[in-house]
């Protein structure tokens, strides 16, 4: 949990790690070329219940002097991995800064795989859910 100190004396604001994860996950999925995000946990109770987990594939580590955001993504075939990754880092940084006011953090992107679009998968007779 991150605590933001207020100089106005009106109290304090605390931001739960999952809020930062949801902001980062949502921002990541807005980037062209991102297929989906892969979770860090094998069993996710919200998926079992049929709810979409916006923090899936995001791990937030809060330290005293910085926040580390780790993203685990799959990129669509045909997109430049380094460009998509740079766009993710930039978008996540902007979104978290804008929504929380926090500024001292690191955004790491791990490309877990590449996916093929449905049209290309059928052309090559590959399952639609195939991961390369």
N, C-alpha and C. Protein backbone atom coordinates (compact mmCIF):
# COMPACT_ATOMS: atom_id res chain seq x y z
N UNK A 1 0.84 -1.17 0.00
CA UNK A 1 0.00 0.00 0.00
C UNK A 1 0.89 1.24 0.00
N UNK A 2 0.53 2.20 -0.81
CA UNK A 2 1.26 3.46 -0.91
C UNK A 2 0.50 4.51 -0.13
N UNK A 3 1.22 5.29 0.64
CA UNK A 3 0.60 6.36 1.39
C UNK A 3 1.06 7.69 0.82
N UNK A 4 0.11 8.58 0.54
CA UNK A 4 0.41 9.90 0.03
C UNK A 4 0.14 10.90 1.14
N UNK A 5 1.16 11.64 1.52
CA UNK A 5 1.01 12.61 2.61
C UNK A 5 0.46 13.91 2.05
N UNK A 6 -0.47 14.48 2.79
CA UNK A 6 -1.09 15.73 2.37
C UNK A 6 -0.56 16.87 3.23
N UNK A 7 -0.21 17.99 2.60
CA UNK A 7 0.27 19.16 3.33
C UNK A 7 -0.87 20.01 3.86
N UNK A 8 -2.08 19.76 3.40
CA UNK A 8 -3.22 20.59 3.80
C UNK A 8 -3.74 20.24 5.18
N UNK A 9 -3.27 19.14 5.76
CA UNK A 9 -3.72 18.75 7.08
C UNK A 9 -5.09 18.11 7.10
N UNK A 10 -5.63 17.79 5.94
CA UNK A 10 -6.98 17.23 5.88
C UNK A 10 -6.99 15.71 5.98
N UNK A 11 -5.84 15.09 6.16
CA UNK A 11 -5.81 13.64 6.29
C UNK A 11 -4.79 13.03 5.37
N UNK A 12 -4.94 11.73 5.16
CA UNK A 12 -3.99 11.01 4.29
C UNK A 12 -4.74 10.18 3.27
N UNK A 13 -4.02 9.85 2.20
CA UNK A 13 -4.58 9.01 1.14
C UNK A 13 -3.72 7.77 1.05
N UNK A 14 -4.36 6.61 1.01
CA UNK A 14 -3.63 5.36 0.84
C UNK A 14 -4.14 4.69 -0.44
N UNK A 15 -3.20 4.21 -1.25
CA UNK A 15 -3.55 3.54 -2.49
C UNK A 15 -3.11 2.09 -2.39
N UNK A 16 -4.04 1.17 -2.53
CA UNK A 16 -3.76 -0.25 -2.45
C UNK A 16 -3.02 -0.68 -3.72
N UNK A 17 -2.10 -1.63 -3.57
CA UNK A 17 -1.30 -2.11 -4.70
C UNK A 17 -2.16 -2.52 -5.89
N UNK A 18 -3.31 -3.14 -5.63
CA UNK A 18 -4.16 -3.62 -6.72
C UNK A 18 -4.70 -2.47 -7.56
N UNK A 19 -4.87 -1.31 -6.98
CA UNK A 19 -5.34 -0.15 -7.75
C UNK A 19 -4.28 0.24 -8.79
N UNK A 20 -3.03 0.25 -8.37
CA UNK A 20 -1.95 0.56 -9.31
C UNK A 20 -1.87 -0.52 -10.38
N UNK A 21 -2.06 -1.77 -10.00
CA UNK A 21 -2.04 -2.89 -10.95
C UNK A 21 -3.16 -2.76 -11.97
N UNK A 22 -4.34 -2.38 -11.54
CA UNK A 22 -5.48 -2.21 -12.45
C UNK A 22 -5.23 -1.07 -13.44
N UNK A 23 -4.69 0.04 -12.94
CA UNK A 23 -4.37 1.17 -13.82
C UNK A 23 -3.35 0.73 -14.87
N UNK A 24 -2.30 0.04 -14.43
CA UNK A 24 -1.24 -0.42 -15.34
C UNK A 24 -1.77 -1.43 -16.35
N UNK A 25 -2.60 -2.37 -15.89
CA UNK A 25 -3.16 -3.39 -16.77
C UNK A 25 -4.07 -2.79 -17.83
N UNK A 26 -4.89 -1.86 -17.42
CA UNK A 26 -5.81 -1.19 -18.35
C UNK A 26 -5.03 -0.40 -19.39
N UNK A 27 -4.01 0.34 -18.95
CA UNK A 27 -3.19 1.13 -19.87
C UNK A 27 -2.46 0.22 -20.86
N UNK A 28 -1.98 -0.92 -20.39
CA UNK A 28 -1.27 -1.86 -21.26
C UNK A 28 -2.17 -2.41 -22.35
N UNK A 29 -3.40 -2.77 -22.00
CA UNK A 29 -4.32 -3.35 -22.98
C UNK A 29 -4.78 -2.34 -24.03
N UNK A 30 -4.54 -1.04 -23.79
CA UNK A 30 -4.90 -0.01 -24.76
C UNK A 30 -3.85 0.14 -25.87
N UNK A 31 -2.70 -0.52 -25.71
CA UNK A 31 -1.61 -0.39 -26.67
C UNK A 31 -1.84 -1.32 -27.86
N UNK A 32 -1.72 -0.77 -29.07
CA UNK A 32 -1.85 -1.58 -30.28
C UNK A 32 -0.70 -2.58 -30.35
N UNK A 33 -1.04 -3.83 -30.60
CA UNK A 33 -0.05 -4.88 -30.68
C UNK A 33 -0.04 -5.81 -29.48
N UNK A 34 -0.69 -5.38 -28.39
CA UNK A 34 -0.78 -6.24 -27.20
C UNK A 34 -1.95 -7.19 -27.41
N UNK A 35 -1.68 -8.48 -27.32
CA UNK A 35 -2.72 -9.49 -27.50
C UNK A 35 -3.48 -9.72 -26.20
N UNK A 36 -2.76 -10.08 -25.16
CA UNK A 36 -3.34 -10.24 -23.84
C UNK A 36 -2.23 -10.26 -22.81
N UNK A 37 -2.65 -10.26 -21.54
CA UNK A 37 -1.68 -10.31 -20.45
C UNK A 37 -1.81 -11.64 -19.75
N UNK A 38 -0.67 -12.18 -19.38
CA UNK A 38 -0.63 -13.48 -18.73
C UNK A 38 -0.47 -13.28 -17.24
N UNK A 39 -1.28 -14.00 -16.47
CA UNK A 39 -1.23 -13.88 -15.02
C UNK A 39 0.01 -14.49 -14.41
N UNK A 40 0.33 -14.00 -13.24
CA UNK A 40 1.46 -14.53 -12.49
C UNK A 40 1.03 -15.69 -11.61
N UNK A 41 -0.28 -15.81 -11.36
CA UNK A 41 -0.79 -16.87 -10.50
C UNK A 41 -1.56 -17.88 -11.34
N UNK A 42 -1.33 -19.15 -11.09
CA UNK A 42 -1.98 -20.20 -11.88
C UNK A 42 -3.49 -20.19 -11.65
N UNK A 43 -3.93 -20.13 -10.42
CA UNK A 43 -5.36 -20.13 -10.15
C UNK A 43 -5.78 -18.74 -9.69
N UNK A 44 -6.65 -18.14 -10.43
CA UNK A 44 -7.15 -16.81 -10.10
C UNK A 44 -8.64 -16.92 -9.82
N UNK A 45 -9.04 -16.64 -8.59
CA UNK A 45 -10.43 -16.85 -8.16
C UNK A 45 -11.41 -16.01 -8.96
N UNK A 46 -11.01 -14.79 -9.36
CA UNK A 46 -11.94 -13.94 -10.11
C UNK A 46 -12.23 -14.53 -11.49
N UNK A 47 -11.25 -15.20 -12.10
CA UNK A 47 -11.50 -15.83 -13.39
C UNK A 47 -12.43 -17.02 -13.25
N UNK A 48 -12.29 -17.74 -12.16
CA UNK A 48 -13.18 -18.87 -11.90
C UNK A 48 -14.62 -18.38 -11.77
N UNK A 49 -14.79 -17.23 -11.16
CA UNK A 49 -16.12 -16.67 -10.98
C UNK A 49 -16.62 -15.94 -12.22
N UNK A 50 -15.79 -15.87 -13.25
CA UNK A 50 -16.21 -15.26 -14.51
C UNK A 50 -16.02 -13.76 -14.57
N UNK A 51 -15.32 -13.17 -13.63
CA UNK A 51 -15.07 -11.74 -13.64
C UNK A 51 -13.76 -11.46 -14.35
N UNK A 52 -13.71 -10.37 -15.10
CA UNK A 52 -12.48 -10.00 -15.79
C UNK A 52 -11.54 -9.36 -14.78
N UNK A 53 -10.33 -9.86 -14.73
CA UNK A 53 -9.34 -9.35 -13.80
C UNK A 53 -8.44 -8.36 -14.53
N UNK A 54 -8.62 -7.08 -14.26
CA UNK A 54 -7.86 -6.04 -14.95
C UNK A 54 -6.41 -5.97 -14.48
N UNK A 55 -6.10 -6.64 -13.36
CA UNK A 55 -4.74 -6.64 -12.84
C UNK A 55 -3.97 -7.89 -13.25
N UNK A 56 -4.59 -8.75 -14.06
CA UNK A 56 -3.93 -9.98 -14.49
C UNK A 56 -2.68 -9.65 -15.28
N UNK A 57 -1.58 -10.31 -14.95
CA UNK A 57 -0.33 -10.07 -15.65
C UNK A 57 0.44 -8.89 -15.12
N UNK A 58 0.00 -8.31 -14.00
CA UNK A 58 0.68 -7.16 -13.41
C UNK A 58 1.10 -7.51 -11.99
N UNK A 59 2.34 -7.22 -11.68
CA UNK A 59 2.84 -7.41 -10.31
C UNK A 59 3.42 -6.08 -9.85
N UNK A 60 2.97 -5.61 -8.69
CA UNK A 60 3.43 -4.33 -8.16
C UNK A 60 4.23 -4.59 -6.89
N UNK A 61 5.47 -4.10 -6.87
CA UNK A 61 6.33 -4.19 -5.69
C UNK A 61 6.59 -2.78 -5.18
N UNK A 62 6.18 -2.54 -3.94
CA UNK A 62 6.36 -1.21 -3.36
C UNK A 62 7.50 -1.26 -2.36
N UNK A 63 8.48 -0.39 -2.60
CA UNK A 63 9.62 -0.26 -1.71
C UNK A 63 9.57 1.12 -1.07
N UNK A 64 10.48 1.40 -0.19
CA UNK A 64 10.48 2.71 0.48
C UNK A 64 10.68 3.86 -0.48
N UNK A 65 11.59 3.69 -1.46
CA UNK A 65 11.94 4.81 -2.33
C UNK A 65 11.38 4.74 -3.74
N UNK A 66 10.79 3.58 -4.12
CA UNK A 66 10.24 3.47 -5.47
C UNK A 66 9.21 2.35 -5.57
N UNK A 67 8.47 2.38 -6.67
CA UNK A 67 7.48 1.35 -6.97
C UNK A 67 7.94 0.67 -8.25
N UNK A 68 7.91 -0.67 -8.25
CA UNK A 68 8.28 -1.43 -9.44
C UNK A 68 7.03 -2.11 -9.98
N UNK A 69 6.72 -1.85 -11.25
CA UNK A 69 5.57 -2.44 -11.91
C UNK A 69 6.10 -3.42 -12.95
N UNK A 70 5.74 -4.69 -12.81
CA UNK A 70 6.17 -5.74 -13.74
C UNK A 70 4.97 -6.22 -14.53
N UNK A 71 5.08 -6.19 -15.86
CA UNK A 71 4.00 -6.58 -16.75
C UNK A 71 4.40 -7.81 -17.55
N UNK A 72 3.51 -8.76 -17.66
CA UNK A 72 3.75 -10.00 -18.39
C UNK A 72 2.76 -10.04 -19.56
N UNK A 73 3.25 -9.81 -20.80
CA UNK A 73 2.36 -9.64 -21.94
C UNK A 73 2.65 -10.59 -23.09
N UNK A 74 1.65 -10.77 -23.92
CA UNK A 74 1.78 -11.47 -25.20
C UNK A 74 1.55 -10.44 -26.30
N UNK A 75 2.42 -10.46 -27.30
CA UNK A 75 2.37 -9.50 -28.40
C UNK A 75 1.82 -10.19 -29.65
N UNK A 76 1.04 -9.45 -30.43
CA UNK A 76 0.50 -9.99 -31.68
C UNK A 76 1.63 -10.13 -32.71
N UNK A 77 1.58 -11.21 -33.47
CA UNK A 77 2.56 -11.46 -34.52
C UNK A 77 2.52 -10.32 -35.54
N UNK A 78 3.69 -9.86 -35.95
CA UNK A 78 3.77 -8.80 -36.94
C UNK A 78 4.09 -7.44 -36.34
N UNK A 79 4.03 -7.30 -35.04
CA UNK A 79 4.36 -6.04 -34.38
C UNK A 79 5.80 -6.10 -33.88
N UNK A 80 6.47 -4.98 -33.88
CA UNK A 80 7.85 -4.91 -33.39
C UNK A 80 7.82 -4.92 -31.86
N UNK A 81 8.40 -5.96 -31.30
CA UNK A 81 8.35 -6.16 -29.85
C UNK A 81 8.93 -4.97 -29.09
N UNK A 82 10.06 -4.45 -29.53
CA UNK A 82 10.68 -3.35 -28.81
C UNK A 82 9.84 -2.08 -28.86
N UNK A 83 9.14 -1.83 -29.97
CA UNK A 83 8.28 -0.65 -30.07
C UNK A 83 7.04 -0.79 -29.19
N UNK A 84 6.42 -1.97 -29.23
CA UNK A 84 5.24 -2.21 -28.39
C UNK A 84 5.63 -2.09 -26.92
N UNK A 85 6.77 -2.64 -26.55
CA UNK A 85 7.23 -2.59 -25.16
C UNK A 85 7.50 -1.15 -24.71
N UNK A 86 8.14 -0.34 -25.58
CA UNK A 86 8.37 1.07 -25.26
C UNK A 86 7.04 1.81 -25.09
N UNK A 87 6.08 1.52 -25.97
CA UNK A 87 4.76 2.16 -25.87
C UNK A 87 4.05 1.78 -24.58
N UNK A 88 4.19 0.52 -24.18
CA UNK A 88 3.59 0.06 -22.92
C UNK A 88 4.20 0.82 -21.76
N UNK A 89 5.52 0.89 -21.71
CA UNK A 89 6.20 1.58 -20.61
C UNK A 89 5.76 3.04 -20.52
N UNK A 90 5.71 3.71 -21.65
CA UNK A 90 5.33 5.11 -21.68
C UNK A 90 3.88 5.31 -21.23
N UNK A 91 2.98 4.48 -21.77
CA UNK A 91 1.54 4.60 -21.45
C UNK A 91 1.27 4.30 -19.98
N UNK A 92 1.90 3.25 -19.45
CA UNK A 92 1.69 2.89 -18.05
C UNK A 92 2.22 4.00 -17.14
N UNK A 93 3.40 4.52 -17.46
CA UNK A 93 3.98 5.59 -16.65
C UNK A 93 3.06 6.80 -16.61
N UNK A 94 2.57 7.21 -17.78
CA UNK A 94 1.67 8.37 -17.86
C UNK A 94 0.38 8.12 -17.09
N UNK A 95 -0.21 6.93 -17.26
CA UNK A 95 -1.48 6.62 -16.61
C UNK A 95 -1.34 6.60 -15.08
N UNK A 96 -0.31 5.96 -14.58
CA UNK A 96 -0.12 5.87 -13.13
C UNK A 96 0.19 7.25 -12.55
N UNK A 97 1.04 8.01 -13.21
CA UNK A 97 1.36 9.36 -12.73
C UNK A 97 0.12 10.24 -12.70
N UNK A 98 -0.67 10.18 -13.77
CA UNK A 98 -1.86 11.03 -13.88
C UNK A 98 -2.91 10.67 -12.83
N UNK A 99 -3.14 9.39 -12.64
CA UNK A 99 -4.23 8.97 -11.75
C UNK A 99 -3.85 8.95 -10.27
N UNK A 100 -2.57 8.77 -9.95
CA UNK A 100 -2.19 8.64 -8.54
C UNK A 100 -1.33 9.79 -8.03
N UNK A 101 -0.66 10.49 -8.93
CA UNK A 101 0.26 11.54 -8.51
C UNK A 101 1.63 11.00 -8.15
N UNK A 102 1.81 9.70 -8.21
CA UNK A 102 3.10 9.09 -7.91
C UNK A 102 4.03 9.27 -9.09
N UNK A 103 5.35 9.40 -8.80
CA UNK A 103 6.26 9.62 -9.91
C UNK A 103 7.53 8.78 -9.86
N UNK A 104 7.87 8.18 -8.76
CA UNK A 104 9.11 7.43 -8.67
C UNK A 104 8.85 5.93 -8.82
N UNK A 105 8.79 5.47 -10.08
CA UNK A 105 8.56 4.04 -10.29
C UNK A 105 9.25 3.55 -11.55
N UNK A 106 9.38 2.23 -11.62
CA UNK A 106 10.01 1.54 -12.74
C UNK A 106 8.94 0.68 -13.40
N UNK A 107 8.91 0.63 -14.73
CA UNK A 107 7.98 -0.23 -15.46
C UNK A 107 8.79 -1.24 -16.26
N UNK A 108 8.67 -2.52 -15.89
CA UNK A 108 9.37 -3.60 -16.59
C UNK A 108 8.35 -4.38 -17.42
N UNK A 109 8.70 -4.68 -18.66
CA UNK A 109 7.82 -5.45 -19.54
C UNK A 109 8.50 -6.77 -19.88
N UNK A 110 7.80 -7.87 -19.60
CA UNK A 110 8.27 -9.19 -19.99
C UNK A 110 7.36 -9.70 -21.09
N UNK A 111 7.93 -9.98 -22.26
CA UNK A 111 7.15 -10.53 -23.37
C UNK A 111 7.17 -12.05 -23.20
N UNK A 112 6.02 -12.59 -22.80
CA UNK A 112 5.90 -14.02 -22.51
C UNK A 112 5.69 -14.85 -23.78
N UNK A 113 5.27 -14.19 -24.87
CA UNK A 113 5.04 -14.94 -26.10
C UNK A 113 4.47 -14.05 -27.19
N UNK A 114 4.25 -14.68 -28.33
CA UNK A 114 3.68 -14.01 -29.50
C UNK A 114 2.44 -14.79 -29.91
N UNK A 115 1.38 -14.09 -30.26
CA UNK A 115 0.15 -14.77 -30.68
C UNK A 115 -0.16 -14.43 -32.14
N UNK A 116 -0.90 -15.30 -32.76
CA UNK A 116 -1.28 -15.14 -34.16
C UNK A 116 -2.76 -14.76 -34.23
N UNK A 117 -3.09 -13.81 -35.10
CA UNK A 117 -4.49 -13.41 -35.27
C UNK A 117 -5.27 -14.53 -35.94
N UNK A 118 -6.60 -14.53 -35.77
CA UNK A 118 -7.46 -15.60 -36.27
C UNK A 118 -7.31 -15.84 -37.77
N UNK A 119 -7.26 -14.74 -38.55
CA UNK A 119 -7.16 -14.88 -40.00
C UNK A 119 -5.86 -15.59 -40.40
N UNK A 120 -4.76 -15.19 -39.77
CA UNK A 120 -3.47 -15.79 -40.09
C UNK A 120 -3.40 -17.23 -39.60
N UNK A 121 -4.02 -17.49 -38.45
CA UNK A 121 -4.01 -18.86 -37.90
C UNK A 121 -4.74 -19.81 -38.84
N UNK A 122 -5.88 -19.37 -39.40
CA UNK A 122 -6.63 -20.25 -40.30
C UNK A 122 -5.88 -20.44 -41.63
N UNK A 123 -5.15 -19.43 -42.06
CA UNK A 123 -4.36 -19.52 -43.29
C UNK A 123 -3.27 -20.59 -43.16
N UNK A 124 -2.70 -20.67 -41.97
CA UNK A 124 -1.63 -21.63 -41.74
C UNK A 124 -2.11 -22.90 -41.04
N UNK A 125 -3.45 -23.03 -40.91
CA UNK A 125 -4.06 -24.18 -40.26
C UNK A 125 -3.53 -24.40 -38.84
N UNK A 126 -3.47 -23.31 -38.10
CA UNK A 126 -3.01 -23.33 -36.70
C UNK A 126 -4.21 -23.01 -35.83
N UNK A 127 -4.27 -23.60 -34.68
CA UNK A 127 -5.35 -23.30 -33.74
C UNK A 127 -5.39 -21.81 -33.44
N UNK A 128 -6.59 -21.25 -33.30
CA UNK A 128 -6.75 -19.82 -33.02
C UNK A 128 -6.08 -19.41 -31.73
N UNK A 129 -5.97 -20.30 -30.79
CA UNK A 129 -5.39 -19.98 -29.49
C UNK A 129 -3.90 -20.31 -29.45
N UNK A 130 -3.32 -20.58 -30.60
CA UNK A 130 -1.92 -20.98 -30.64
C UNK A 130 -1.02 -19.85 -30.15
N UNK A 131 -0.05 -20.21 -29.36
CA UNK A 131 0.94 -19.27 -28.89
C UNK A 131 2.28 -19.73 -29.41
N UNK A 132 3.00 -18.79 -30.01
CA UNK A 132 4.30 -19.13 -30.58
C UNK A 132 5.39 -18.93 -29.55
